[in-house]
Amino acid sequence: MKYELGTTKELQPQIEERNSRGASLGGKSGAGGNGGNGRRGGGGGGDRRDNGNQMEEEQFVPSKYRIMMWFVLLVIMMTFAGLVSAYIFIAVNKSQEWRPFDLPFAVFVSTVLILASSVTYELARVAINHENQESFRRWLVATTALGGMFIASQLFSWVSLTGRGVYLSSNPYAGFFYVLTATHAFHLIGGIAALGYLVLRAWNPTRNSERLFKRQTAASVVGLYWHSMDGLWLVLFALLAFWK
């Protein structure tokens, strides 16, 4: 009994020392684990912020919108290429039903209006590139008004022809005139809708550089469409007026 009690008293300081070391190591490992988790958690938060920034950057890619616009224009040009090819083929053959007529004066007015609209749109694009938002808005409104006047002049030309007894089924030349001008007017209405969108966005100036950059990109993309419609009309006008 004395030996065992003596042994217990001798071992007790060593046991207490080991227990204190274990507690201190356990505390350090726990703190390290929590710290590691904290760092991992903080890292995860950083990853989430990085992912959020990447998502914001991916949401607006200017080249994507330009490629989409070029695709739309390619489809439109292929459509008109088929119509123009058919027009030229029939015009060259000079069939007996092919009876050209003098174009209404409103067609020449339409040509002047759409050329003027391209000029005003280019002035608007230059203004927004120089961050002159007020001038950009004014020139956009002018371009939209000229586009609306172009559509009105087309309606006047159709009314003038029907008043002269010229209808879609009168002869192939008349049919092509109605089809070509109506198809072009339909696509130009889409351009006027895009202009209206730009006008609404430009109505309130912005100091945000990202929003301003988006407006500059939108002006560039819509400009591709609008100038293409202008060039297409010149081709149609040349065919209808001089290749009869």
Protein backbone atom coordinates (compact mmCIF):
# COMPACT_ATOMS: atom_id res chain seq x y z
CA MET A 1 0.00 0.00 0.00
CA LYS A 2 2.73 2.42 0.85
CA TYR A 3 4.50 1.57 -2.41
CA GLU A 4 1.41 2.11 -4.49
CA LEU A 5 0.56 5.38 -2.75
CA GLY A 6 4.12 6.53 -3.17
CA THR A 7 4.02 5.59 -6.84
CA THR A 8 0.77 7.45 -7.33
CA LYS A 9 2.19 10.59 -5.75
CA GLU A 10 5.27 10.37 -7.93
CA LEU A 11 3.25 9.87 -11.17
CA GLN A 12 0.66 12.54 -10.42
CA PRO A 13 2.88 15.56 -11.42
CA GLN A 14 3.81 13.83 -14.72
CA ILE A 15 0.15 13.06 -15.50
CA GLU A 16 -0.84 16.65 -14.78
CA GLU A 17 2.01 17.92 -17.00
CA ARG A 18 0.91 15.69 -19.92
CA ASN A 19 -2.71 16.79 -19.48
CA SER A 20 -1.71 20.47 -19.56
CA ARG A 21 0.39 19.90 -22.71
CA GLY A 22 -2.48 18.08 -24.38
CA ALA A 23 -4.88 20.88 -23.52
CA SER A 24 -2.53 23.51 -24.87
CA LEU A 25 -1.98 21.53 -28.09
CA GLY A 26 -5.69 20.92 -28.46
CA GLY A 27 -6.36 24.65 -28.09
CA LYS A 28 -3.78 25.51 -30.69
CA SER A 29 -5.06 22.91 -33.14
CA GLY A 30 -8.62 24.08 -32.58
CA ALA A 31 -7.62 27.69 -33.14
CA GLY A 32 -5.66 26.68 -36.20
CA GLY A 33 -8.61 24.71 -37.51
CA ASN A 34 -10.93 27.60 -36.94
CA GLY A 35 -8.42 29.95 -38.46
CA GLY A 36 -8.06 27.63 -41.41
CA ASN A 37 -11.80 27.52 -41.78
CA GLY A 38 -11.91 31.27 -41.49
CA ARG A 39 -9.33 31.58 -44.20
CA ARG A 40 -11.14 29.06 -46.30
CA GLY A 41 -14.38 30.85 -45.65
CA GLY A 42 -12.80 34.18 -46.50
CA GLY A 43 -11.30 32.65 -49.60
CA GLY A 44 -14.71 31.32 -50.55
CA GLY A 45 -16.14 34.80 -50.15
CA GLY A 46 -13.38 36.16 -52.35
CA ASP A 47 -14.16 33.50 -54.94
CA ARG A 48 -17.80 34.49 -54.86
CA ARG A 49 -16.91 38.13 -55.38
CA ASP A 50 -14.57 37.19 -58.23
CA ASN A 51 -17.28 35.05 -59.79
CA GLY A 52 -19.73 37.93 -59.45
CA ASN A 53 -17.34 40.28 -61.23
CA GLN A 54 -16.75 37.71 -63.96
CA MET A 55 -20.50 37.28 -64.43
CA GLU A 56 -20.94 41.04 -64.76
CA GLU A 57 -18.17 41.16 -67.37
CA GLU A 58 -19.68 38.24 -69.27
CA GLN A 59 -23.11 39.85 -69.31
CA PHE A 60 -21.96 42.57 -71.73
CA VAL A 61 -19.63 41.62 -74.56
CA PRO A 62 -19.67 44.21 -77.38
CA SER A 63 -18.37 41.79 -80.01
CA LYS A 64 -21.27 39.44 -79.31
CA TYR A 65 -23.84 42.09 -80.24
CA ARG A 66 -21.93 43.07 -83.36
CA ILE A 67 -21.75 39.46 -84.51
CA MET A 68 -25.49 39.06 -83.93
CA MET A 69 -26.16 42.21 -85.95
CA TRP A 70 -23.98 41.01 -88.82
CA PHE A 71 -25.89 37.73 -88.81
CA VAL A 72 -29.23 39.58 -89.01
CA LEU A 73 -27.92 41.75 -91.84
CA LEU A 74 -26.66 38.67 -93.69
CA VAL A 75 -30.14 37.12 -93.59
CA ILE A 76 -31.72 40.38 -94.79
CA MET A 77 -29.22 40.79 -97.61
CA MET A 78 -29.76 37.21 -98.76
CA THR A 79 -33.51 37.86 -98.87
CA PHE A 80 -33.10 40.97 -100.99
CA ALA A 81 -30.47 39.28 -103.15
CA GLY A 82 -33.07 36.73 -104.19
CA LEU A 83 -35.67 39.40 -104.95
CA VAL A 84 -33.22 41.58 -106.88
CA SER A 85 -31.95 38.60 -108.89
CA ALA A 86 -35.51 37.74 -109.90
CA TYR A 87 -36.16 41.38 -110.82
CA ILE A 88 -33.07 41.59 -113.02
CA PHE A 89 -33.83 38.27 -114.72
CA ILE A 90 -37.34 39.33 -115.69
CA ALA A 91 -36.27 42.86 -116.63
CA VAL A 92 -33.56 41.54 -118.99
CA ASN A 93 -35.99 39.17 -120.73
CA LYS A 94 -38.35 42.08 -121.52
CA SER A 95 -41.53 40.03 -121.51
CA GLN A 96 -44.70 41.57 -122.91
CA GLU A 97 -46.24 41.88 -119.44
CA TRP A 98 -43.26 43.89 -118.20
CA ARG A 99 -44.67 47.43 -118.27
CA PRO A 100 -42.54 49.94 -116.32
CA PHE A 101 -43.95 53.29 -115.25
CA ASP A 102 -42.62 56.60 -114.00
CA LEU A 103 -41.93 56.50 -110.31
CA PRO A 104 -44.04 58.74 -108.07
CA PHE A 105 -42.36 61.91 -106.86
CA ALA A 106 -42.64 60.59 -103.27
CA VAL A 107 -40.01 57.95 -104.11
CA PHE A 108 -37.43 60.66 -104.79
CA VAL A 109 -38.45 62.38 -101.56
CA SER A 110 -37.92 59.07 -99.75
CA THR A 111 -34.38 58.87 -101.12
CA VAL A 112 -33.51 62.35 -99.84
CA LEU A 113 -35.03 61.59 -96.43
CA ILE A 114 -33.14 58.35 -95.85
CA LEU A 115 -29.85 59.90 -96.95
CA ALA A 116 -30.43 62.75 -94.51
CA SER A 117 -31.23 60.23 -91.75
CA SER A 118 -27.86 58.54 -92.26
CA VAL A 119 -26.13 61.90 -91.86
CA THR A 120 -27.99 62.74 -88.66
CA TYR A 121 -27.35 59.28 -87.26
CA GLU A 122 -23.64 59.59 -87.92
CA LEU A 123 -23.66 62.93 -86.11
CA ALA A 124 -25.39 61.23 -83.18
CA ARG A 125 -22.80 58.45 -83.12
CA VAL A 126 -19.93 60.93 -83.13
CA ALA A 127 -21.60 62.88 -80.32
CA ILE A 128 -21.94 59.86 -78.02
CA ASN A 129 -18.36 58.79 -78.75
CA HIS A 130 -17.29 62.23 -77.53
CA GLU A 131 -19.60 61.77 -74.49
CA ASN A 132 -21.86 64.62 -75.60
CA GLN A 133 -25.08 62.98 -74.47
CA GLU A 134 -27.39 65.94 -75.05
CA SER A 135 -26.30 66.30 -78.67
CA PHE A 136 -26.56 62.53 -79.06
CA ARG A 137 -30.18 62.62 -77.94
CA ARG A 138 -31.09 65.50 -80.28
CA TRP A 139 -29.57 63.86 -83.36
CA LEU A 140 -31.23 60.56 -82.48
CA VAL A 141 -34.63 62.25 -82.30
CA ALA A 142 -33.94 63.88 -85.69
CA THR A 143 -32.98 60.52 -87.20
CA THR A 144 -36.10 58.86 -85.82
CA ALA A 145 -38.28 61.64 -87.22
CA LEU A 146 -36.64 61.31 -90.66
CA GLY A 147 -37.21 57.55 -90.56
CA GLY A 148 -40.88 58.10 -89.81
CA MET A 149 -41.11 60.60 -92.67
CA PHE A 150 -39.52 58.03 -94.98
CA ILE A 151 -42.24 55.51 -94.14
CA ALA A 152 -44.89 58.19 -94.69
CA SER A 153 -43.43 59.04 -98.10
CA GLN A 154 -43.55 55.35 -99.03
CA LEU A 155 -47.24 55.27 -98.14
CA PHE A 156 -47.81 58.34 -100.33
CA SER A 157 -46.08 56.62 -103.24
CA TRP A 158 -48.33 53.57 -102.92
CA VAL A 159 -51.44 55.75 -102.68
CA SER A 160 -50.28 57.67 -105.74
CA LEU A 161 -49.85 54.47 -107.74
CA THR A 162 -53.23 53.04 -106.77
CA GLY A 163 -54.74 56.38 -107.78
CA ARG A 164 -53.22 55.83 -111.24
CA GLY A 165 -54.70 52.35 -111.38
CA VAL A 166 -51.40 50.53 -110.75
CA TYR A 167 -51.76 47.60 -108.36
CA LEU A 168 -49.68 44.69 -107.17
CA SER A 169 -51.16 42.38 -109.82
CA SER A 170 -51.11 44.90 -112.68
CA ASN A 171 -47.81 43.64 -114.14
CA PRO A 172 -44.50 42.13 -112.95
CA TYR A 173 -42.77 45.52 -112.69
CA ALA A 174 -45.56 46.88 -110.48
CA GLY A 175 -45.49 43.71 -108.41
CA PHE A 176 -41.74 44.02 -107.81
CA PHE A 177 -42.12 47.70 -106.95
CA TYR A 178 -44.65 46.96 -104.21
CA VAL A 179 -42.81 43.90 -102.89
CA LEU A 180 -39.35 45.49 -102.81
CA THR A 181 -40.46 48.80 -101.28
CA ALA A 182 -42.79 47.15 -98.75
CA THR A 183 -40.14 44.64 -97.65
CA HIS A 184 -37.62 47.42 -97.21
CA ALA A 185 -40.13 49.55 -95.27
CA PHE A 186 -40.87 46.61 -92.97
CA HIS A 187 -37.19 46.22 -92.10
CA LEU A 188 -36.77 49.97 -91.70
CA ILE A 189 -39.59 49.97 -89.14
CA GLY A 190 -37.43 47.57 -87.13
CA GLY A 191 -34.63 50.13 -87.32
CA ILE A 192 -36.99 52.88 -86.14
CA ALA A 193 -37.93 50.71 -83.15
CA ALA A 194 -34.21 50.35 -82.31
CA LEU A 195 -33.83 54.12 -82.60
CA GLY A 196 -36.75 54.60 -80.22
CA TYR A 197 -35.02 52.34 -77.71
CA LEU A 198 -31.83 54.39 -77.97
CA VAL A 199 -33.78 57.62 -77.52
CA LEU A 200 -35.43 56.33 -74.35
CA ARG A 201 -32.10 55.20 -72.92
CA ALA A 202 -30.41 58.49 -73.85
CA TRP A 203 -33.18 60.68 -72.43
CA ASN A 204 -31.54 60.71 -68.99
CA PRO A 205 -27.79 61.44 -69.13
CA THR A 206 -25.52 59.19 -67.10
CA ARG A 207 -22.16 59.67 -65.41
CA ASN A 208 -21.59 55.94 -65.07
CA SER A 209 -18.72 54.99 -67.38
CA GLU A 210 -20.03 51.45 -67.88
CA ARG A 211 -23.50 52.64 -68.89
CA LEU A 212 -21.98 55.23 -71.20
CA PHE A 213 -19.86 52.54 -72.84
CA LYS A 214 -22.98 50.40 -73.36
CA ARG A 215 -24.73 53.33 -75.05
CA GLN A 216 -21.74 53.90 -77.31
CA THR A 217 -21.74 50.22 -78.26
CA ALA A 218 -25.50 50.22 -78.88
CA ALA A 219 -25.16 53.29 -81.09
CA SER A 220 -22.45 51.54 -83.11
CA VAL A 221 -24.46 48.32 -83.52
CA VAL A 222 -27.72 50.08 -84.48
CA GLY A 223 -25.71 52.27 -86.83
CA LEU A 224 -24.64 49.18 -88.78
CA TYR A 225 -28.29 48.30 -89.32
CA TRP A 226 -29.44 51.82 -90.18
CA HIS A 227 -26.67 52.54 -92.71
CA SER A 228 -27.24 49.11 -94.27
CA MET A 229 -30.91 49.96 -94.79
CA ASP A 230 -29.82 53.23 -96.36
CA GLY A 231 -27.44 51.51 -98.78
CA LEU A 232 -30.05 48.88 -99.59
CA TRP A 233 -32.59 51.55 -100.49
CA LEU A 234 -30.12 53.19 -102.88
CA VAL A 235 -29.72 49.85 -104.67
CA LEU A 236 -33.50 49.40 -104.93
CA PHE A 237 -33.99 52.97 -106.09
CA ALA A 238 -31.36 52.54 -108.81
CA LEU A 239 -33.03 49.34 -110.04
CA LEU A 240 -36.57 50.69 -110.03
CA ALA A 241 -35.67 54.06 -111.54
CA PHE A 242 -32.96 53.21 -114.07
CA TRP A 243 -33.07 49.44 -114.77
CA LYS A 244 -36.49 49.00 -116.29
